Full PDB file with SEQRES, HELIX, SHEET, SSBOND, CRYST1, ORIGX, SCALE, CONECT and MASTER records, all heavy atoms in Angstrom:
SEQRES   1 A   43  LEU THR PHE VAL MET GLY GLN ARG TYR ILE GLU THR SER          
SEQRES   2 A   43  LYS ILE MET PRO ALA GLY ILE VAL ALA ALA LEU SER ALA          
SEQRES   3 A   43  LEU MET SER GLY PHE TYR LEU TYR LYS ILE ALA THR GLY          
SEQRES   4 A   43  GLY ASN HIS PHE                                              
HELIX    1 AA1 THR A    2  THR A   12  1                                  11    
HELIX    2 AA2 ILE A   15  GLY A   19  3                                   5    
HELIX    3 AA3 ILE A   20  ALA A   37  1                                  18    
CRYST1    1.000    1.000    1.000  90.00  90.00  90.00 P 1           1          
ORIGX1      1.000000  0.000000  0.000000        0.00000                         
ORIGX2      0.000000  1.000000  0.000000        0.00000                         
ORIGX3      0.000000  0.000000  1.000000        0.00000                         
SCALE1      1.000000  0.000000  0.000000        0.00000                         
SCALE2      0.000000  1.000000  0.000000        0.00000                         
SCALE3      0.000000  0.000000  1.000000        0.00000                         
ATOM      1  N   LEU A   1       4.644 -14.141   8.046  1.00  0.00           N  
ATOM      2  CA  LEU A   1       3.973 -13.456   6.936  1.00  0.00           C  
ATOM      3  C   LEU A   1       4.202 -11.947   6.998  1.00  0.00           C  
ATOM      4  O   LEU A   1       4.389 -11.305   5.958  1.00  0.00           O  
ATOM      5  CB  LEU A   1       2.480 -13.764   6.936  1.00  0.00           C  
ATOM      6  CG  LEU A   1       2.104 -15.113   6.352  1.00  0.00           C  
ATOM      7  CD1 LEU A   1       0.647 -15.432   6.655  1.00  0.00           C  
ATOM      8  CD2 LEU A   1       2.350 -15.150   4.861  1.00  0.00           C  
ATOM      9  N   THR A   2       4.194 -11.379   8.198  1.00  0.00           N  
ATOM     10  CA  THR A   2       4.461  -9.945   8.335  1.00  0.00           C  
ATOM     11  C   THR A   2       5.843  -9.613   7.804  1.00  0.00           C  
ATOM     12  O   THR A   2       6.014  -8.656   7.034  1.00  0.00           O  
ATOM     13  CB  THR A   2       4.349  -9.514   9.810  1.00  0.00           C  
ATOM     14  OG1 THR A   2       3.033  -9.803  10.282  1.00  0.00           O  
ATOM     15  CG2 THR A   2       4.642  -8.035   9.973  1.00  0.00           C  
ATOM     16  N   PHE A   3       6.835 -10.394   8.192  1.00  0.00           N  
ATOM     17  CA  PHE A   3       8.206 -10.140   7.765  1.00  0.00           C  
ATOM     18  C   PHE A   3       8.379 -10.336   6.259  1.00  0.00           C  
ATOM     19  O   PHE A   3       8.886  -9.451   5.558  1.00  0.00           O  
ATOM     20  CB  PHE A   3       9.174 -11.054   8.527  1.00  0.00           C  
ATOM     21  CG  PHE A   3      10.601 -10.867   8.112  1.00  0.00           C  
ATOM     22  CD1 PHE A   3      11.314  -9.758   8.532  1.00  0.00           C  
ATOM     23  CD2 PHE A   3      11.221 -11.781   7.287  1.00  0.00           C  
ATOM     24  CE1 PHE A   3      12.630  -9.570   8.141  1.00  0.00           C  
ATOM     25  CE2 PHE A   3      12.533 -11.610   6.887  1.00  0.00           C  
ATOM     26  CZ  PHE A   3      13.241 -10.502   7.310  1.00  0.00           C  
ATOM     27  N   VAL A   4       7.944 -11.489   5.750  1.00  0.00           N  
ATOM     28  CA  VAL A   4       8.148 -11.813   4.328  1.00  0.00           C  
ATOM     29  C   VAL A   4       7.395 -10.848   3.426  1.00  0.00           C  
ATOM     30  O   VAL A   4       7.960 -10.298   2.470  1.00  0.00           O  
ATOM     31  CB  VAL A   4       7.739 -13.277   4.045  1.00  0.00           C  
ATOM     32  CG1 VAL A   4       7.705 -13.562   2.560  1.00  0.00           C  
ATOM     33  CG2 VAL A   4       8.681 -14.236   4.746  1.00  0.00           C  
ATOM     34  N   MET A   5       6.124 -10.621   3.716  1.00  0.00           N  
ATOM     35  CA  MET A   5       5.338  -9.745   2.855  1.00  0.00           C  
ATOM     36  C   MET A   5       5.727  -8.278   3.058  1.00  0.00           C  
ATOM     37  O   MET A   5       5.620  -7.472   2.133  1.00  0.00           O  
ATOM     38  CB  MET A   5       3.845  -9.962   3.078  1.00  0.00           C  
ATOM     39  CG  MET A   5       3.388 -11.359   2.681  1.00  0.00           C  
ATOM     40  SD  MET A   5       3.871 -11.836   1.002  1.00  0.00           S  
ATOM     41  CE  MET A   5       2.521 -11.169   0.084  1.00  0.00           C  
ATOM     42  N   GLY A   6       6.187  -7.923   4.245  1.00  0.00           N  
ATOM     43  CA  GLY A   6       6.706  -6.575   4.474  1.00  0.00           C  
ATOM     44  C   GLY A   6       7.951  -6.322   3.638  1.00  0.00           C  
ATOM     45  O   GLY A   6       8.105  -5.248   3.033  1.00  0.00           O  
ATOM     46  N   GLN A   7       8.843  -7.308   3.580  1.00  0.00           N  
ATOM     47  CA  GLN A   7      10.034  -7.195   2.734  1.00  0.00           C  
ATOM     48  C   GLN A   7       9.649  -7.071   1.259  1.00  0.00           C  
ATOM     49  O   GLN A   7      10.215  -6.266   0.521  1.00  0.00           O  
ATOM     50  CB  GLN A   7      10.944  -8.412   2.927  1.00  0.00           C  
ATOM     51  CG  GLN A   7      11.634  -8.453   4.258  1.00  0.00           C  
ATOM     52  CD  GLN A   7      12.630  -7.313   4.416  1.00  0.00           C  
ATOM     53  OE1 GLN A   7      13.340  -6.953   3.503  1.00  0.00           O  
ATOM     54  NE2 GLN A   7      12.650  -6.737   5.600  1.00  0.00           N  
ATOM     55  N   ARG A   8       8.671  -7.875   0.848  1.00  0.00           N  
ATOM     56  CA  ARG A   8       8.224  -7.817  -0.550  1.00  0.00           C  
ATOM     57  C   ARG A   8       7.603  -6.459  -0.870  1.00  0.00           C  
ATOM     58  O   ARG A   8       7.814  -5.910  -1.946  1.00  0.00           O  
ATOM     59  CB  ARG A   8       7.231  -8.937  -0.832  1.00  0.00           C  
ATOM     60  CG  ARG A   8       6.837  -8.981  -2.299  1.00  0.00           C  
ATOM     61  CD  ARG A   8       6.154 -10.246  -2.680  1.00  0.00           C  
ATOM     62  NE  ARG A   8       7.092 -11.350  -2.544  1.00  0.00           N  
ATOM     63  CZ  ARG A   8       6.717 -12.608  -2.376  1.00  0.00           C  
ATOM     64  NH1 ARG A   8       5.440 -12.908  -2.300  1.00  0.00           N  
ATOM     65  NH2 ARG A   8       7.599 -13.559  -2.271  1.00  0.00           N  
ATOM     66  N   TYR A   9       6.848  -5.906   0.086  1.00  0.00           N  
ATOM     67  CA  TYR A   9       6.251  -4.585  -0.124  1.00  0.00           C  
ATOM     68  C   TYR A   9       7.338  -3.515  -0.243  1.00  0.00           C  
ATOM     69  O   TYR A   9       7.256  -2.624  -1.092  1.00  0.00           O  
ATOM     70  CB  TYR A   9       5.282  -4.235   1.001  1.00  0.00           C  
ATOM     71  CG  TYR A   9       4.769  -2.828   0.893  1.00  0.00           C  
ATOM     72  CD1 TYR A   9       3.863  -2.481  -0.111  1.00  0.00           C  
ATOM     73  CD2 TYR A   9       5.209  -1.836   1.751  1.00  0.00           C  
ATOM     74  CE1 TYR A   9       3.412  -1.170  -0.233  1.00  0.00           C  
ATOM     75  CE2 TYR A   9       4.764  -0.538   1.635  1.00  0.00           C  
ATOM     76  CZ  TYR A   9       3.864  -0.212   0.640  1.00  0.00           C  
ATOM     77  OH  TYR A   9       3.427   1.074   0.508  1.00  0.00           O  
ATOM     78  N   ILE A  10       8.362  -3.600   0.604  1.00  0.00           N  
ATOM     79  CA  ILE A  10       9.456  -2.626   0.551  1.00  0.00           C  
ATOM     80  C   ILE A  10      10.175  -2.697  -0.799  1.00  0.00           C  
ATOM     81  O   ILE A  10      10.529  -1.670  -1.379  1.00  0.00           O  
ATOM     82  CB  ILE A  10      10.434  -2.854   1.724  1.00  0.00           C  
ATOM     83  CG1 ILE A  10       9.768  -2.434   3.038  1.00  0.00           C  
ATOM     84  CG2 ILE A  10      11.738  -2.097   1.513  1.00  0.00           C  
ATOM     85  CD1 ILE A  10      10.520  -2.866   4.276  1.00  0.00           C  
ATOM     86  N   GLU A  11      10.363  -3.913  -1.322  1.00  0.00           N  
ATOM     87  CA  GLU A  11      11.059  -4.085  -2.600  1.00  0.00           C  
ATOM     88  C   GLU A  11      10.231  -3.629  -3.797  1.00  0.00           C  
ATOM     89  O   GLU A  11      10.763  -3.042  -4.734  1.00  0.00           O  
ATOM     90  CB  GLU A  11      11.437  -5.552  -2.798  1.00  0.00           C  
ATOM     91  CG  GLU A  11      12.507  -6.044  -1.860  1.00  0.00           C  
ATOM     92  CD  GLU A  11      12.692  -7.548  -1.920  1.00  0.00           C  
ATOM     93  OE1 GLU A  11      12.033  -8.213  -2.755  1.00  0.00           O  
ATOM     94  OE2 GLU A  11      13.495  -8.067  -1.123  1.00  0.00           O  
ATOM     95  N   THR A  12       8.919  -3.929  -3.771  1.00  0.00           N  
ATOM     96  CA  THR A  12       8.088  -3.684  -4.959  1.00  0.00           C  
ATOM     97  C   THR A  12       7.170  -2.471  -4.836  1.00  0.00           C  
ATOM     98  O   THR A  12       6.673  -1.988  -5.852  1.00  0.00           O  
ATOM     99  CB  THR A  12       7.205  -4.909  -5.260  1.00  0.00           C  
ATOM    100  OG1 THR A  12       6.284  -5.104  -4.184  1.00  0.00           O  
ATOM    101  CG2 THR A  12       8.046  -6.154  -5.479  1.00  0.00           C  
ATOM    102  N   SER A  13       6.888  -2.017  -3.637  1.00  0.00           N  
ATOM    103  CA  SER A  13       5.923  -0.944  -3.358  1.00  0.00           C  
ATOM    104  C   SER A  13       4.520  -1.257  -3.878  1.00  0.00           C  
ATOM    105  O   SER A  13       3.743  -0.347  -4.139  1.00  0.00           O  
ATOM    106  CB  SER A  13       6.408   0.384  -3.953  1.00  0.00           C  
ATOM    107  OG  SER A  13       7.621   0.764  -3.369  1.00  0.00           O  
ATOM    108  N   LYS A  14       4.205  -2.538  -4.019  1.00  0.00           N  
ATOM    109  CA  LYS A  14       2.867  -2.942  -4.467  1.00  0.00           C  
ATOM    110  C   LYS A  14       1.975  -3.188  -3.254  1.00  0.00           C  
ATOM    111  O   LYS A  14       2.285  -3.994  -2.397  1.00  0.00           O  
ATOM    112  CB  LYS A  14       2.947  -4.207  -5.320  1.00  0.00           C  
ATOM    113  CG  LYS A  14       3.606  -3.976  -6.660  1.00  0.00           C  
ATOM    114  CD  LYS A  14       3.553  -5.222  -7.511  1.00  0.00           C  
ATOM    115  CE  LYS A  14       4.199  -4.953  -8.856  1.00  0.00           C  
ATOM    116  NZ  LYS A  14       4.171  -6.141  -9.707  1.00  0.00           N  
ATOM    117  N   ILE A  15       0.863  -2.458  -3.241  1.00  0.00           N  
ATOM    118  CA  ILE A  15      -0.089  -2.605  -2.143  1.00  0.00           C  
ATOM    119  C   ILE A  15      -0.744  -3.984  -2.177  1.00  0.00           C  
ATOM    120  O   ILE A  15      -0.934  -4.604  -1.138  1.00  0.00           O  
ATOM    121  CB  ILE A  15      -1.184  -1.507  -2.231  1.00  0.00           C  
ATOM    122  CG1 ILE A  15      -0.573  -0.139  -2.021  1.00  0.00           C  
ATOM    123  CG2 ILE A  15      -2.303  -1.753  -1.248  1.00  0.00           C  
ATOM    124  CD1 ILE A  15      -0.102   0.138  -0.632  1.00  0.00           C  
ATOM    125  N   MET A  16      -1.070  -4.445  -3.380  1.00  0.00           N  
ATOM    126  CA  MET A  16      -1.766  -5.723  -3.517  1.00  0.00           C  
ATOM    127  C   MET A  16      -0.831  -6.725  -4.138  1.00  0.00           C  
ATOM    128  O   MET A  16      -0.323  -6.478  -5.234  1.00  0.00           O  
ATOM    129  CB  MET A  16      -3.011  -5.515  -4.380  1.00  0.00           C  
ATOM    130  CG  MET A  16      -3.943  -6.656  -4.390  1.00  0.00           C  
ATOM    131  SD  MET A  16      -4.581  -6.878  -2.741  1.00  0.00           S  
ATOM    132  CE  MET A  16      -5.605  -8.270  -3.014  1.00  0.00           C  
ATOM    133  N   PRO A  17      -0.567  -7.847  -3.550  1.00  0.00           N  
ATOM    134  CA  PRO A  17      -1.048  -8.353  -2.261  1.00  0.00           C  
ATOM    135  C   PRO A  17      -0.105  -8.074  -1.098  1.00  0.00           C  
ATOM    136  O   PRO A  17      -0.496  -8.211   0.056  1.00  0.00           O  
ATOM    137  CB  PRO A  17      -1.148  -9.853  -2.505  1.00  0.00           C  
ATOM    138  CG  PRO A  17      -0.008 -10.155  -3.418  1.00  0.00           C  
ATOM    139  CD  PRO A  17       0.106  -8.921  -4.313  1.00  0.00           C  
ATOM    140  N   ALA A  18       1.155  -7.702  -1.395  1.00  0.00           N  
ATOM    141  CA  ALA A  18       2.179  -7.643  -0.349  1.00  0.00           C  
ATOM    142  C   ALA A  18       1.822  -6.674   0.779  1.00  0.00           C  
ATOM    143  O   ALA A  18       1.922  -7.030   1.958  1.00  0.00           O  
ATOM    144  CB  ALA A  18       3.523  -7.274  -0.956  1.00  0.00           C  
ATOM    145  N   GLY A  19       1.417  -5.460   0.468  1.00  0.00           N  
ATOM    146  CA  GLY A  19       1.112  -4.468   1.495  1.00  0.00           C  
ATOM    147  C   GLY A  19      -0.083  -4.861   2.341  1.00  0.00           C  
ATOM    148  O   GLY A  19      -0.064  -4.718   3.575  1.00  0.00           O  
ATOM    149  N   ILE A  20      -1.125  -5.365   1.693  1.00  0.00           N  
ATOM    150  CA  ILE A  20      -2.338  -5.774   2.414  1.00  0.00           C  
ATOM    151  C   ILE A  20      -2.042  -6.940   3.350  1.00  0.00           C  
ATOM    152  O   ILE A  20      -2.435  -6.924   4.521  1.00  0.00           O  
ATOM    153  CB  ILE A  20      -3.456  -6.159   1.411  1.00  0.00           C  
ATOM    154  CG1 ILE A  20      -3.812  -4.981   0.501  1.00  0.00           C  
ATOM    155  CG2 ILE A  20      -4.673  -6.721   2.126  1.00  0.00           C  
ATOM    156  CD1 ILE A  20      -4.502  -3.840   1.184  1.00  0.00           C  
ATOM    157  N   VAL A  21      -1.368  -7.961   2.823  1.00  0.00           N  
ATOM    158  CA  VAL A  21      -1.073  -9.144   3.641  1.00  0.00           C  
ATOM    159  C   VAL A  21      -0.127  -8.771   4.783  1.00  0.00           C  
ATOM    160  O   VAL A  21      -0.298  -9.242   5.912  1.00  0.00           O  
ATOM    161  CB  VAL A  21      -0.509 -10.294   2.778  1.00  0.00           C  
ATOM    162  CG1 VAL A  21      -0.040 -11.456   3.643  1.00  0.00           C  
ATOM    163  CG2 VAL A  21      -1.552 -10.771   1.782  1.00  0.00           C  
ATOM    164  N   ALA A  22       0.867  -7.927   4.530  1.00  0.00           N  
ATOM    165  CA  ALA A  22       1.792  -7.511   5.584  1.00  0.00           C  
ATOM    166  C   ALA A  22       1.052  -6.758   6.683  1.00  0.00           C  
ATOM    167  O   ALA A  22       1.266  -7.007   7.875  1.00  0.00           O  
ATOM    168  CB  ALA A  22       2.910  -6.657   5.005  1.00  0.00           C  
ATOM    169  N   ALA A  23       0.174  -5.834   6.304  1.00  0.00           N  
ATOM    170  CA  ALA A  23      -0.575  -5.051   7.291  1.00  0.00           C  
ATOM    171  C   ALA A  23      -1.533  -5.933   8.095  1.00  0.00           C  
ATOM    172  O   ALA A  23      -1.597  -5.838   9.325  1.00  0.00           O  
ATOM    173  CB  ALA A  23      -1.338  -3.927   6.603  1.00  0.00           C  
ATOM    174  N   LEU A  24      -2.270  -6.795   7.394  1.00  0.00           N  
ATOM    175  CA  LEU A  24      -3.204  -7.695   8.075  1.00  0.00           C  
ATOM    176  C   LEU A  24      -2.454  -8.643   9.005  1.00  0.00           C  
ATOM    177  O   LEU A  24      -2.885  -8.879  10.141  1.00  0.00           O  
ATOM    178  CB  LEU A  24      -4.016  -8.479   7.042  1.00  0.00           C  
ATOM    179  CG  LEU A  24      -5.053  -9.453   7.581  1.00  0.00           C  
ATOM    180  CD1 LEU A  24      -6.095  -8.715   8.414  1.00  0.00           C  
ATOM    181  CD2 LEU A  24      -5.716 -10.191   6.439  1.00  0.00           C  
ATOM    182  N   SER A  25      -1.327  -9.160   8.543  1.00  0.00           N  
ATOM    183  CA  SER A  25      -0.541 -10.079   9.366  1.00  0.00           C  
ATOM    184  C   SER A  25       0.056  -9.370  10.571  1.00  0.00           C  
ATOM    185  O   SER A  25       0.165  -9.957  11.650  1.00  0.00           O  
ATOM    186  CB  SER A  25       0.560 -10.732   8.524  1.00  0.00           C  
ATOM    187  OG  SER A  25      -0.022 -11.530   7.514  1.00  0.00           O  
ATOM    188  N   ALA A  26       0.449  -8.105  10.419  1.00  0.00           N  
ATOM    189  CA  ALA A  26       0.955  -7.334  11.555  1.00  0.00           C  
ATOM    190  C   ALA A  26      -0.142  -7.140  12.605  1.00  0.00           C  
ATOM    191  O   ALA A  26       0.112  -7.276  13.812  1.00  0.00           O  
ATOM    192  CB  ALA A  26       1.498  -5.992  11.087  1.00  0.00           C  
ATOM    193  N   LEU A  27      -1.357  -6.848  12.152  1.00  0.00           N  
ATOM    194  CA  LEU A  27      -2.485  -6.727  13.087  1.00  0.00           C  
ATOM    195  C   LEU A  27      -2.753  -8.040  13.805  1.00  0.00           C  
ATOM    196  O   LEU A  27      -2.960  -8.070  15.024  1.00  0.00           O  
ATOM    197  CB  LEU A  27      -3.746  -6.269  12.351  1.00  0.00           C  
ATOM    198  CG  LEU A  27      -3.773  -4.826  11.890  1.00  0.00           C  
ATOM    199  CD1 LEU A  27      -4.988  -4.570  10.999  1.00  0.00           C  
ATOM    200  CD2 LEU A  27      -3.798  -3.895  13.083  1.00  0.00           C  
ATOM    201  N   MET A  28      -2.733  -9.129  13.060  1.00  0.00           N  
ATOM    202  CA  MET A  28      -2.983 -10.441  13.649  1.00  0.00           C  
ATOM    203  C   MET A  28      -1.851 -10.816  14.615  1.00  0.00           C  
ATOM    204  O   MET A  28      -2.119 -11.404  15.664  1.00  0.00           O  
ATOM    205  CB  MET A  28      -3.150 -11.501  12.565  1.00  0.00           C  
ATOM    206  CG  MET A  28      -4.410 -11.333  11.731  1.00  0.00           C  
ATOM    207  SD  MET A  28      -5.936 -11.298  12.683  1.00  0.00           S  
ATOM    208  CE  MET A  28      -5.988 -12.965  13.298  1.00  0.00           C  
ATOM    209  N   SER A  29      -0.620 -10.473  14.280  1.00  0.00           N  
ATOM    210  CA  SER A  29       0.506 -10.744  15.183  1.00  0.00           C  
ATOM    211  C   SER A  29       0.295 -10.022  16.513  1.00  0.00           C  
ATOM    212  O   SER A  29       0.507 -10.609  17.581  1.00  0.00           O  
ATOM    213  CB  SER A  29       1.822 -10.281  14.559  1.00  0.00           C  
ATOM    214  OG  SER A  29       2.128 -11.016  13.414  1.00  0.00           O  
ATOM    215  N   GLY A  30      -0.109  -8.760  16.444  1.00  0.00           N  
ATOM    216  CA  GLY A  30      -0.397  -8.010  17.666  1.00  0.00           C  
ATOM    217  C   GLY A  30      -1.503  -8.644  18.480  1.00  0.00           C  
ATOM    218  O   GLY A  30      -1.412  -8.744  19.717  1.00  0.00           O  
ATOM    219  N   PHE A  31      -2.545  -9.096  17.809  1.00  0.00           N  
ATOM    220  CA  PHE A  31      -3.661  -9.756  18.494  1.00  0.00           C  
ATOM    221  C   PHE A  31      -3.199 -11.044  19.171  1.00  0.00           C  
ATOM    222  O   PHE A  31      -3.521 -11.296  20.338  1.00  0.00           O  
ATOM    223  CB  PHE A  31      -4.789 -10.043  17.499  1.00  0.00           C  
ATOM    224  CG  PHE A  31      -5.908 -10.871  18.064  1.00  0.00           C  
ATOM    225  CD1 PHE A  31      -6.766 -10.348  19.013  1.00  0.00           C  
ATOM    226  CD2 PHE A  31      -6.100 -12.180  17.644  1.00  0.00           C  
ATOM    227  CE1 PHE A  31      -7.791 -11.114  19.545  1.00  0.00           C  
ATOM    228  CE2 PHE A  31      -7.124 -12.944  18.156  1.00  0.00           C  
ATOM    229  CZ  PHE A  31      -7.974 -12.418  19.121  1.00  0.00           C  
ATOM    230  N   TYR A  32      -2.421 -11.856  18.453  1.00  0.00           N  
ATOM    231  CA  TYR A  32      -1.947 -13.118  19.023  1.00  0.00           C  
ATOM    232  C   TYR A  32      -1.001 -12.880  20.203  1.00  0.00           C  
ATOM    233  O   TYR A  32      -1.071 -13.599  21.204  1.00  0.00           O  
ATOM    234  CB  TYR A  32      -1.261 -13.982  17.967  1.00  0.00           C  
ATOM    235  CG  TYR A  32      -2.189 -14.459  16.876  1.00  0.00           C  
ATOM    236  CD1 TYR A  32      -1.774 -14.474  15.557  1.00  0.00           C  
ATOM    237  CD2 TYR A  32      -3.469 -14.909  17.153  1.00  0.00           C  
ATOM    238  CE1 TYR A  32      -2.612 -14.916  14.543  1.00  0.00           C  
ATOM    239  CE2 TYR A  32      -4.320 -15.348  16.148  1.00  0.00           C  
ATOM    240  CZ  TYR A  32      -3.887 -15.355  14.843  1.00  0.00           C  
ATOM    241  OH  TYR A  32      -4.719 -15.793  13.852  1.00  0.00           O  
ATOM    242  N   LEU A  33      -0.133 -11.896  20.090  1.00  0.00           N  
ATOM    243  CA  LEU A  33       0.759 -11.580  21.203  1.00  0.00           C  
ATOM    244  C   LEU A  33      -0.032 -11.097  22.421  1.00  0.00           C  
ATOM    245  O   LEU A  33       0.308 -11.421  23.566  1.00  0.00           O  
ATOM    246  CB  LEU A  33       1.806 -10.549  20.773  1.00  0.00           C  
ATOM    247  CG  LEU A  33       2.840 -11.067  19.762  1.00  0.00           C  
ATOM    248  CD1 LEU A  33       3.680  -9.915  19.226  1.00  0.00           C  
ATOM    249  CD2 LEU A  33       3.710 -12.150  20.374  1.00  0.00           C  
ATOM    250  N   TYR A  34      -1.090 -10.338  22.173  1.00  0.00           N  
ATOM    251  CA  TYR A  34      -1.983  -9.922  23.257  1.00  0.00           C  
ATOM    252  C   TYR A  34      -2.632 -11.139  23.919  1.00  0.00           C  
ATOM    253  O   TYR A  34      -2.715 -11.220  25.143  1.00  0.00           O  
ATOM    254  CB  TYR A  34      -3.054  -8.963  22.715  1.00  0.00           C  
ATOM    255  CG  TYR A  34      -4.168  -8.702  23.685  1.00  0.00           C  
ATOM    256  CD1 TYR A  34      -3.994  -7.837  24.761  1.00  0.00           C  
ATOM    257  CD2 TYR A  34      -5.399  -9.334  23.536  1.00  0.00           C  
ATOM    258  CE1 TYR A  34      -5.018  -7.611  25.668  1.00  0.00           C  
ATOM    259  CE2 TYR A  34      -6.424  -9.111  24.436  1.00  0.00           C  
ATOM    260  CZ  TYR A  34      -6.239  -8.252  25.497  1.00  0.00           C  
ATOM    261  OH  TYR A  34      -7.244  -8.033  26.398  1.00  0.00           O  
ATOM    262  N   LYS A  35      -3.086 -12.090  23.095  1.00  0.00           N  
ATOM    263  CA  LYS A  35      -3.723 -13.298  23.642  1.00  0.00           C  
ATOM    264  C   LYS A  35      -2.735 -14.094  24.486  1.00  0.00           C  
ATOM    265  O   LYS A  35      -3.094 -14.633  25.527  1.00  0.00           O  
ATOM    266  CB  LYS A  35      -4.293 -14.180  22.524  1.00  0.00           C  
ATOM    267  CG  LYS A  35      -5.474 -13.585  21.774  1.00  0.00           C  
ATOM    268  CD  LYS A  35      -6.602 -13.181  22.683  1.00  0.00           C  
ATOM    269  CE  LYS A  35      -7.403 -14.347  23.168  1.00  0.00           C  
ATOM    270  NZ  LYS A  35      -8.556 -13.951  23.987  1.00  0.00           N  
ATOM    271  N   ILE A  36      -1.485 -14.179  24.023  1.00  0.00           N  
ATOM    272  CA  ILE A  36      -0.471 -14.897  24.805  1.00  0.00           C  
ATOM    273  C   ILE A  36      -0.230 -14.169  26.126  1.00  0.00           C  
ATOM    274  O   ILE A  36      -0.161 -14.797  27.192  1.00  0.00           O  
ATOM    275  CB  ILE A  36       0.838 -15.047  23.998  1.00  0.00           C  
ATOM    276  CG1 ILE A  36       0.635 -16.043  22.848  1.00  0.00           C  
ATOM    277  CG2 ILE A  36       1.985 -15.485  24.900  1.00  0.00           C  
ATOM    278  CD1 ILE A  36       1.779 -16.097  21.863  1.00  0.00           C  
ATOM    279  N   ALA A  37      -0.111 -12.840  26.080  1.00  0.00           N  
ATOM    280  CA  ALA A  37       0.170 -12.050  27.278  1.00  0.00           C  
ATOM    281  C   ALA A  37      -0.963 -12.128  28.305  1.00  0.00           C  
ATOM    282  O   ALA A  37      -0.712 -12.054  29.512  1.00  0.00           O  
ATOM    283  CB  ALA A  37       0.428 -10.597  26.902  1.00  0.00           C  
ATOM    284  N   THR A  38      -2.198 -12.282  27.837  1.00  0.00           N  
ATOM    285  CA  THR A  38      -3.334 -12.323  28.762  1.00  0.00           C  
ATOM    286  C   THR A  38      -3.764 -13.737  29.126  1.00  0.00           C  
ATOM    287  O   THR A  38      -4.776 -13.924  29.790  1.00  0.00           O  
ATOM    288  CB  THR A  38      -4.543 -11.557  28.179  1.00  0.00           C  
ATOM    289  OG1 THR A  38      -4.926 -12.146  26.936  1.00  0.00           O  
ATOM    290  CG2 THR A  38      -4.218 -10.089  28.017  1.00  0.00           C  
ATOM    291  N   GLY A  39      -3.008 -14.729  28.684  1.00  0.00           N  
ATOM    292  CA  GLY A  39      -3.300 -16.103  29.107  1.00  0.00           C  
ATOM    293  C   GLY A  39      -4.201 -16.886  28.189  1.00  0.00           C  
ATOM    294  O   GLY A  39      -4.809 -17.873  28.603  1.00  0.00           O  
ATOM    295  N   GLY A  40      -4.348 -16.482  26.950  1.00  0.00           N  
ATOM    296  CA  GLY A  40      -5.158 -17.253  25.992  1.00  0.00           C  
ATOM    297  C   GLY A  40      -6.623 -16.911  26.063  1.00  0.00           C  
ATOM    298  O   GLY A  40      -7.017 -15.833  26.512  1.00  0.00           O  
ATOM    299  N   ASN A  41      -7.441 -17.858  25.622  1.00  0.00           N  
ATOM    300  CA  ASN A  41      -8.893 -17.659  25.611  1.00  0.00           C  
ATOM    301  C   ASN A  41      -9.442 -17.737  27.034  1.00  0.00           C  
ATOM    302  O   ASN A  41      -9.009 -18.550  27.836  1.00  0.00           O  
ATOM    303  CB  ASN A  41      -9.576 -18.727  24.743  1.00  0.00           C  
ATOM    304  CG  ASN A  41      -9.230 -18.583  23.288  1.00  0.00           C  
ATOM    305  OD1 ASN A  41      -9.114 -17.482  22.790  1.00  0.00           O  
ATOM    306  ND2 ASN A  41      -9.062 -19.692  22.596  1.00  0.00           N  
ATOM    307  N   HIS A  42     -10.400 -16.876  27.319  1.00  0.00           N  
ATOM    308  CA  HIS A  42     -11.045 -16.878  28.619  1.00  0.00           C  
ATOM    309  C   HIS A  42     -12.425 -17.483  28.459  1.00  0.00           C  
ATOM    310  O   HIS A  42     -13.102 -17.299  27.447  1.00  0.00           O  
ATOM    311  CB  HIS A  42     -11.117 -15.465  29.190  1.00  0.00           C  
ATOM    312  CG  HIS A  42      -9.750 -14.877  29.391  1.00  0.00           C  
ATOM    313  ND1 HIS A  42      -8.949 -15.220  30.439  1.00  0.00           N  
ATOM    314  CD2 HIS A  42      -9.039 -14.016  28.645  1.00  0.00           C  
ATOM    315  CE1 HIS A  42      -7.801 -14.589  30.358  1.00  0.00           C  
ATOM    316  NE2 HIS A  42      -7.830 -13.835  29.248  1.00  0.00           N  
ATOM    317  N   PHE A  43     -12.857 -18.191  29.478  1.00  0.00           N  
ATOM    318  CA  PHE A  43     -14.102 -18.939  29.399  1.00  0.00           C  
ATOM    319  C   PHE A  43     -15.172 -18.274  30.239  1.00  0.00           C  
ATOM    320  O   PHE A  43     -14.898 -17.810  31.346  1.00  0.00           O  
ATOM    321  CB  PHE A  43     -13.875 -20.368  29.897  1.00  0.00           C  
ATOM    322  CG  PHE A  43     -12.750 -21.053  29.184  1.00  0.00           C  
ATOM    323  CD1 PHE A  43     -11.494 -21.148  29.760  1.00  0.00           C  
ATOM    324  CD2 PHE A  43     -12.927 -21.545  27.914  1.00  0.00           C  
ATOM    325  CE1 PHE A  43     -10.438 -21.739  29.091  1.00  0.00           C  
ATOM    326  CE2 PHE A  43     -11.877 -22.144  27.229  1.00  0.00           C  
ATOM    327  CZ  PHE A  43     -10.639 -22.242  27.818  1.00  0.00           C  
TER     328      PHE A  43                                                      
MASTER        0    0    0    3    0    0    0    6  327    1    0    4          
END                                                                             
């Protein structure tokens, strides 16, 4: 979603929905990569 919506934002320069979804997905990608690096959920 980060890649696809980022490309769409670059092509159209429309914040809604492409820019918002790309930014949110980039944040979520960072969070998920952090979770993978730290071993997943901790109990």
